[in-house]
Amino acid sequence: MKTIRWGIVGCGDVTEVKSGPGFQKAENSSLVAVMRRNGDLARDYAERHGVPKWTDSAEELINDPEVDAVYVATPPNAHREATLMCAAAGKPVLVEKPISTNALEAAEMMAACEKAGVPLLVAYYRRAMPLFLKVKEIVETGRIGAPRTVQITHHETPAEPGADGALNWRVDPKVGGGGIFVDIGCHALDFLDFAFGPVTGVQGFAGNLAGLYPAEDIVTAAFTFENGVHGSGEWCFTARRNFEQTRILGTEGEVTFSFFAPNPVVLTTAAGTETFDIGFPPHVHQPLIQTVVDQLLGTGICHSTGESAMRTTRVIDSVLQGFREQGK
């Protein structure tokens, strides 16, 4: 069977453990080229990870005839340009989450890939991780009865400055499209889209209470899903401690789990409490990468598409609309 030869645009921190090795360890997959604007860092990455090619040019990597598909692992403000280059080169693209800084850019990316006839997939890897598939299975098989509500609670201590005291790009709206809510809160919203279907209504409020950076540092939201489930979320990124948990309540029980820590999935019903200690794989992207490879080879399907990712970005845009307008 053919091997999908991958190139990475933006071989930064996320590619060191979370994703990069997954392209080498997935079946029928290999990592053959990496790119970073700093050529010395690209060469260092290639040498440490056993990658045969490196470059400081995204265009060179994308147009390399020995690269079959491209993983775009840059910050969100560079996703659109790299994806449009992939479409022009006829290369399938797996882009980091969130798909872009806003839904308008996402729509442009989707249109370009559709016109070029190439897949646009997005690295919402919780759609393929065993722990979260277990949560989805518990809900779908009726272990908690009919699902009724879901509550997300996410508290974090303030983000540390970037290198040399610079503003961390994850709290710079010009780079990430928002703050930590956009950067990682999107994972919860995307998985719930996977579990319950698209969000059909959303209202939210965002603010910046601590003044440590220009992005939102507190968010509250309420939403309804296609299947009638109601949800709410509370995100505070200037808390005194780190705490994160999601609870799905049904007519016959509830299930709790964490998105960002390998805590056990806990199922509680009238029969008692059942715990599933599944944990996270060593390379959390690898299960999703395998579904992408399988789809490109025609032997499977990846459930994290440009369309599903754009739905999540639309929800984020709706929640942050008022806050963004205040900043103009």
Protein backbone atom coordinates (compact mmCIF):
# COMPACT_ATOMS: atom_id res chain seq x y z
CA MET A 1 0.00 0.00 0.00
CA LYS A 2 1.14 3.54 -0.76
CA THR A 3 2.74 5.61 1.98
CA ILE A 4 1.56 9.21 2.49
CA ARG A 5 4.66 11.43 2.59
CA TRP A 6 4.07 14.42 4.85
CA GLY A 7 5.61 17.85 5.09
CA ILE A 8 5.15 20.16 8.08
CA VAL A 9 4.85 23.92 7.71
CA GLY A 10 5.81 25.39 11.09
CA CYS A 11 7.70 22.76 13.09
CA GLY A 12 7.33 24.49 16.46
CA ASP A 13 6.55 23.25 19.95
CA VAL A 14 3.30 21.45 19.10
CA THR A 15 5.17 19.20 16.66
CA GLU A 16 7.84 18.03 19.10
CA VAL A 17 5.72 15.40 20.88
CA LYS A 18 2.03 15.98 20.29
CA SER A 19 1.96 15.68 16.51
CA GLY A 20 5.29 15.34 14.68
CA PRO A 21 6.18 11.77 15.75
CA GLY A 22 2.63 10.71 14.92
CA PHE A 23 3.30 11.24 11.22
CA GLN A 24 6.25 8.85 11.50
CA LYS A 25 4.47 6.24 13.63
CA ALA A 26 1.07 6.08 11.90
CA GLU A 27 0.65 3.19 9.48
CA ASN A 28 1.37 3.99 5.81
CA SER A 29 2.71 7.41 6.78
CA SER A 30 6.11 9.10 6.81
CA LEU A 31 7.44 12.56 7.58
CA VAL A 32 9.83 13.63 4.81
CA ALA A 33 10.18 17.42 5.12
CA VAL A 34 9.80 20.21 7.67
CA MET A 35 9.76 23.98 7.39
CA ARG A 36 10.34 26.84 9.81
CA ARG A 37 11.10 30.48 9.06
CA ASN A 38 14.31 30.14 11.04
CA GLY A 39 16.31 27.73 8.91
CA ASP A 40 18.66 26.76 11.73
CA LEU A 41 15.70 25.69 13.88
CA ALA A 42 14.23 23.76 10.96
CA ARG A 43 17.53 21.94 10.43
CA ASP A 44 17.80 21.20 14.15
CA TYR A 45 14.29 19.72 14.19
CA ALA A 46 15.01 17.58 11.12
CA GLU A 47 18.25 16.25 12.59
CA ARG A 48 16.70 15.41 15.97
CA HIS A 49 13.64 13.71 14.46
CA GLY A 50 15.28 11.92 11.55
CA VAL A 51 13.52 13.94 8.84
CA PRO A 52 15.44 13.93 5.53
CA LYS A 53 14.54 17.44 4.30
CA TRP A 54 14.25 20.87 5.88
CA THR A 55 13.70 24.38 4.55
CA ASP A 56 12.83 27.93 5.61
CA SER A 57 10.36 28.32 2.73
CA ALA A 58 6.74 27.19 3.01
CA GLU A 59 6.34 27.53 -0.75
CA GLU A 60 9.32 25.23 -1.37
CA LEU A 61 8.00 22.53 0.95
CA ILE A 62 4.43 22.69 -0.36
CA ASN A 63 5.56 22.42 -3.97
CA ASP A 64 8.07 19.63 -3.34
CA PRO A 65 7.01 16.71 -5.59
CA GLU A 66 8.10 14.27 -2.88
CA VAL A 67 5.57 15.73 -0.40
CA ASP A 68 2.09 14.22 -0.81
CA ALA A 69 0.25 16.08 1.97
CA VAL A 70 0.93 19.05 4.22
CA TYR A 71 0.36 19.64 7.93
CA VAL A 72 0.11 23.36 8.72
CA ALA A 73 1.23 23.83 12.34
CA THR A 74 1.68 27.60 12.37
CA PRO A 75 -0.27 30.03 14.57
CA PRO A 76 -3.80 30.69 13.21
CA ASN A 77 -3.01 33.97 11.43
CA ALA A 78 -0.87 32.03 8.93
CA HIS A 79 -3.34 29.19 8.28
CA ARG A 80 -5.17 30.89 5.43
CA GLU A 81 -2.09 31.67 3.34
CA ALA A 82 -0.54 28.23 3.76
CA THR A 83 -3.85 26.47 3.01
CA LEU A 84 -4.36 28.51 -0.16
CA MET A 85 -0.84 27.56 -1.28
CA CYS A 86 -1.63 23.89 -0.65
CA ALA A 87 -4.82 24.17 -2.67
CA ALA A 88 -2.94 25.81 -5.53
CA ALA A 89 -0.40 22.98 -5.43
CA GLY A 90 -3.13 20.32 -5.35
CA LYS A 91 -1.96 19.03 -1.95
CA PRO A 92 -4.30 17.72 0.78
CA VAL A 93 -3.90 19.82 3.93
CA LEU A 94 -4.28 19.11 7.62
CA VAL A 95 -4.37 22.46 9.42
CA GLU A 96 -3.96 23.08 13.13
CA LYS A 97 -6.91 24.19 15.23
CA PRO A 98 -8.65 26.55 15.22
CA ILE A 99 -9.00 26.41 11.46
CA SER A 100 -8.38 30.17 11.19
CA THR A 101 -8.74 33.43 13.09
CA ASN A 102 -12.37 33.80 11.99
CA ALA A 103 -15.10 32.08 9.98
CA LEU A 104 -14.68 34.33 6.93
CA GLU A 105 -11.11 33.09 6.47
CA ALA A 106 -12.27 29.52 7.06
CA ALA A 107 -14.87 29.84 4.30
CA GLU A 108 -12.21 31.13 1.89
CA MET A 109 -9.94 28.20 2.76
CA MET A 110 -12.74 25.70 2.25
CA ALA A 111 -13.73 27.22 -1.08
CA ALA A 112 -10.14 27.10 -2.38
CA CYS A 113 -9.68 23.46 -1.40
CA GLU A 114 -13.06 22.48 -2.81
CA LYS A 115 -12.26 24.18 -6.10
CA ALA A 116 -8.89 22.41 -6.23
CA GLY A 117 -10.48 19.07 -5.33
CA VAL A 118 -8.22 18.52 -2.30
CA PRO A 119 -9.29 17.57 1.24
CA LEU A 120 -9.14 20.19 3.99
CA LEU A 121 -8.93 18.52 7.40
CA VAL A 122 -8.36 20.07 10.83
CA ALA A 123 -6.36 18.86 13.83
CA TYR A 124 -9.19 18.59 16.36
CA TYR A 125 -7.59 15.38 17.53
CA ARG A 126 -10.04 14.66 20.37
CA ARG A 127 -12.41 13.36 17.71
CA ALA A 128 -10.14 10.31 17.42
CA MET A 129 -8.61 9.84 20.90
CA PRO A 130 -9.85 6.72 22.76
CA LEU A 131 -10.79 8.62 25.93
CA PHE A 132 -13.18 10.92 24.11
CA LEU A 133 -14.53 8.18 21.89
CA LYS A 134 -15.45 6.41 25.16
CA VAL A 135 -17.38 9.48 26.31
CA LYS A 136 -19.21 9.58 22.97
CA GLU A 137 -19.96 5.85 23.22
CA ILE A 138 -21.40 6.24 26.75
CA VAL A 139 -23.73 8.97 25.52
CA GLU A 140 -24.75 7.25 22.28
CA THR A 141 -25.45 3.87 23.87
CA GLY A 142 -27.81 5.38 26.44
CA ARG A 143 -25.69 4.68 29.51
CA ILE A 144 -26.85 8.04 30.98
CA GLY A 145 -30.29 7.88 29.39
CA ALA A 146 -31.24 10.75 27.13
CA PRO A 147 -28.66 13.56 27.35
CA ARG A 148 -30.09 16.83 28.59
CA THR A 149 -27.34 19.29 29.54
CA VAL A 150 -23.59 19.75 29.37
CA GLN A 151 -21.51 22.08 31.52
CA ILE A 152 -17.91 23.12 30.80
CA THR A 153 -15.80 24.60 33.59
CA HIS A 154 -12.29 25.75 32.70
CA HIS A 155 -10.13 27.82 35.06
CA GLU A 156 -6.43 28.57 34.58
CA THR A 157 -3.79 30.73 36.22
CA PRO A 158 -2.52 33.65 34.10
CA ALA A 159 -0.49 32.85 30.98
CA GLU A 160 3.25 33.35 31.22
CA PRO A 161 4.93 35.88 28.89
CA GLY A 162 6.62 34.55 25.78
CA ALA A 163 10.35 34.51 25.14
CA ASP A 164 12.24 37.55 26.46
CA GLY A 165 9.10 38.79 28.18
CA ALA A 166 7.28 39.25 24.87
CA LEU A 167 3.53 38.82 24.57
CA ASN A 168 2.66 35.14 24.19
CA TRP A 169 1.06 34.73 20.75
CA ARG A 170 -1.73 32.68 22.33
CA VAL A 171 -3.08 35.85 23.96
CA ASP A 172 -2.43 38.13 20.98
CA PRO A 173 -5.67 38.45 18.96
CA LYS A 174 -3.71 39.57 15.89
CA VAL A 175 -1.98 36.18 15.80
CA GLY A 176 -4.41 33.73 17.37
CA GLY A 177 -7.74 35.40 16.70
CA GLY A 178 -8.32 35.81 20.43
CA GLY A 179 -6.92 34.47 23.66
CA ILE A 180 -6.71 31.10 25.39
CA PHE A 181 -10.45 30.59 24.94
CA VAL A 182 -9.86 30.57 21.18
CA ASP A 183 -6.61 28.61 21.40
CA ILE A 184 -7.78 25.66 23.52
CA GLY A 185 -11.39 26.32 24.50
CA CYS A 186 -12.19 25.48 20.89
CA HIS A 187 -11.38 21.81 21.63
CA ALA A 188 -14.36 21.45 23.97
CA LEU A 189 -16.76 23.16 21.57
CA ASP A 190 -15.58 21.03 18.67
CA PHE A 191 -15.88 17.74 20.56
CA LEU A 192 -19.41 18.60 21.68
CA ASP A 193 -20.27 19.29 18.03
CA PHE A 194 -18.98 15.77 17.34
CA ALA A 195 -20.97 14.25 20.21
CA PHE A 196 -24.28 16.13 19.87
CA GLY A 197 -24.33 17.66 16.41
CA PRO A 198 -23.97 21.30 15.39
CA VAL A 199 -24.74 24.17 17.73
CA THR A 200 -28.03 25.76 16.64
CA GLY A 201 -28.07 28.72 19.03
CA VAL A 202 -25.45 30.52 21.10
CA GLN A 203 -25.19 33.54 23.34
CA GLY A 204 -22.05 34.62 25.12
CA PHE A 205 -20.15 37.31 26.94
CA ALA A 206 -16.42 37.95 27.07
CA GLY A 207 -14.26 40.43 28.91
CA ASN A 208 -10.78 41.35 29.99
CA LEU A 209 -10.77 41.84 33.75
CA ALA A 210 -7.07 41.56 34.63
CA GLY A 211 -5.62 43.69 31.82
CA LEU A 212 -2.59 41.44 31.41
CA TYR A 213 -2.94 41.21 27.62
CA PRO A 214 -5.31 42.46 24.89
CA ALA A 215 -7.32 39.24 24.47
CA GLU A 216 -10.36 38.10 26.44
CA ASP A 217 -9.52 36.50 29.81
CA ILE A 218 -13.04 35.55 30.90
CA VAL A 219 -15.87 34.04 28.87
CA THR A 220 -19.33 32.71 29.64
CA ALA A 221 -21.63 31.15 27.08
CA ALA A 222 -24.86 29.24 26.66
CA PHE A 223 -25.73 27.14 23.64
CA THR A 224 -28.17 24.61 22.24
CA PHE A 225 -27.37 21.67 19.99
CA GLU A 226 -29.07 20.11 17.00
CA ASN A 227 -30.31 17.21 19.16
CA GLY A 228 -31.92 19.54 21.71
CA VAL A 229 -29.22 19.32 24.39
CA HIS A 230 -28.54 22.57 26.24
CA GLY A 231 -25.03 23.59 27.25
CA SER A 232 -23.13 26.22 29.17
CA GLY A 233 -19.50 27.12 29.64
CA GLU A 234 -17.38 29.16 31.99
CA TRP A 235 -13.80 30.00 31.12
CA CYS A 236 -11.56 32.10 33.38
CA PHE A 237 -7.86 32.44 32.60
CA THR A 238 -6.81 34.59 35.55
CA ALA A 239 -7.84 32.18 38.32
CA ARG A 240 -5.84 31.25 41.42
CA ARG A 241 -5.67 27.58 40.40
CA ASN A 242 -6.05 25.30 37.42
CA PHE A 243 -9.31 23.33 37.22
CA GLU A 244 -11.06 21.90 34.20
CA GLN A 245 -13.98 19.47 33.94
CA THR A 246 -16.94 18.78 31.70
CA ARG A 247 -20.17 17.13 32.91
CA ILE A 248 -22.85 15.64 30.68
CA LEU A 249 -26.15 15.05 32.48
CA GLY A 250 -28.75 12.61 31.21
CA THR A 251 -32.12 11.33 32.38
CA GLU A 252 -30.51 8.24 33.94
CA GLY A 253 -27.07 9.39 34.99
CA GLU A 254 -24.08 11.58 34.21
CA VAL A 255 -20.56 11.35 32.86
CA THR A 256 -17.66 13.63 33.81
CA PHE A 257 -14.28 13.98 32.13
CA SER A 258 -11.47 16.44 31.41
CA PHE A 259 -10.36 17.74 28.04
CA PHE A 260 -6.80 18.68 28.99
CA ALA A 261 -5.73 16.14 31.61
CA PRO A 262 -5.74 12.33 31.28
CA ASN A 263 -8.19 11.98 34.17
CA PRO A 264 -10.52 8.98 34.26
CA VAL A 265 -13.94 9.15 32.66
CA VAL A 266 -16.48 8.75 35.48
CA LEU A 267 -19.94 7.35 34.79
CA THR A 268 -22.52 7.69 37.56
CA THR A 269 -25.95 6.01 37.41
CA ALA A 270 -28.43 4.45 39.83
CA ALA A 271 -26.32 1.30 39.66
CA GLY A 272 -23.29 3.11 41.07
CA THR A 273 -20.09 4.68 39.77
CA GLU A 274 -17.95 3.22 37.00
CA THR A 275 -14.50 4.57 36.19
CA PHE A 276 -12.66 4.25 32.87
CA ASP A 277 -8.95 5.03 33.24
CA ILE A 278 -8.03 5.33 29.57
CA GLY A 279 -5.45 8.11 29.59
CA PHE A 280 -3.87 9.87 26.62
CA PRO A 281 -1.65 8.28 23.96
CA PRO A 282 2.04 9.35 23.89
CA HIS A 283 1.43 11.42 20.76
CA VAL A 284 -2.09 12.79 21.08
CA HIS A 285 -2.46 13.65 17.39
CA GLN A 286 -1.55 10.17 16.19
CA PRO A 287 -5.03 8.59 16.24
CA LEU A 288 -6.40 11.48 14.17
CA ILE A 289 -3.39 11.39 11.85
CA GLN A 290 -4.17 7.73 11.22
CA THR A 291 -7.74 8.62 10.18
CA VAL A 292 -6.39 11.30 7.83
CA VAL A 293 -3.95 8.87 6.24
CA ASP A 294 -6.67 6.26 5.90
CA GLN A 295 -8.97 8.77 4.21
CA LEU A 296 -6.26 9.86 1.78
CA LEU A 297 -5.65 6.21 0.92
CA GLY A 298 -9.36 5.49 0.52
CA THR A 299 -9.55 3.03 3.41
CA GLY A 300 -11.24 5.16 6.08
CA ILE A 301 -12.61 8.55 7.02
CA CYS A 302 -11.49 11.50 9.13
CA HIS A 303 -14.29 13.13 11.11
CA SER A 304 -12.52 16.47 11.62
CA THR A 305 -13.20 18.40 8.44
CA GLY A 306 -12.98 21.98 7.35
CA GLU A 307 -16.76 22.16 7.54
CA SER A 308 -16.99 20.90 11.13
CA ALA A 309 -14.08 23.13 12.18
CA MET A 310 -15.72 26.16 10.60
CA ARG A 311 -18.85 25.49 12.67
CA THR A 312 -16.73 25.69 15.83
CA THR A 313 -15.13 28.93 14.66
CA ARG A 314 -18.57 30.39 13.97
CA VAL A 315 -19.60 29.61 17.56
CA ILE A 316 -16.43 31.32 18.83
CA ASP A 317 -17.08 34.33 16.60
CA SER A 318 -20.60 34.64 18.01
CA VAL A 319 -19.41 34.41 21.61
CA LEU A 320 -16.66 37.00 21.10
CA GLN A 321 -18.55 39.36 18.79
CA GLY A 322 -19.39 41.93 21.44
CA PHE A 323 -15.90 41.90 22.94
CA ARG A 324 -14.26 42.25 19.56
CA GLU A 325 -16.50 45.17 18.63
CA GLN A 326 -15.60 46.96 21.86
CA GLY A 327 -11.92 46.72 20.92
CA LYS A 328 -12.32 48.34 17.52
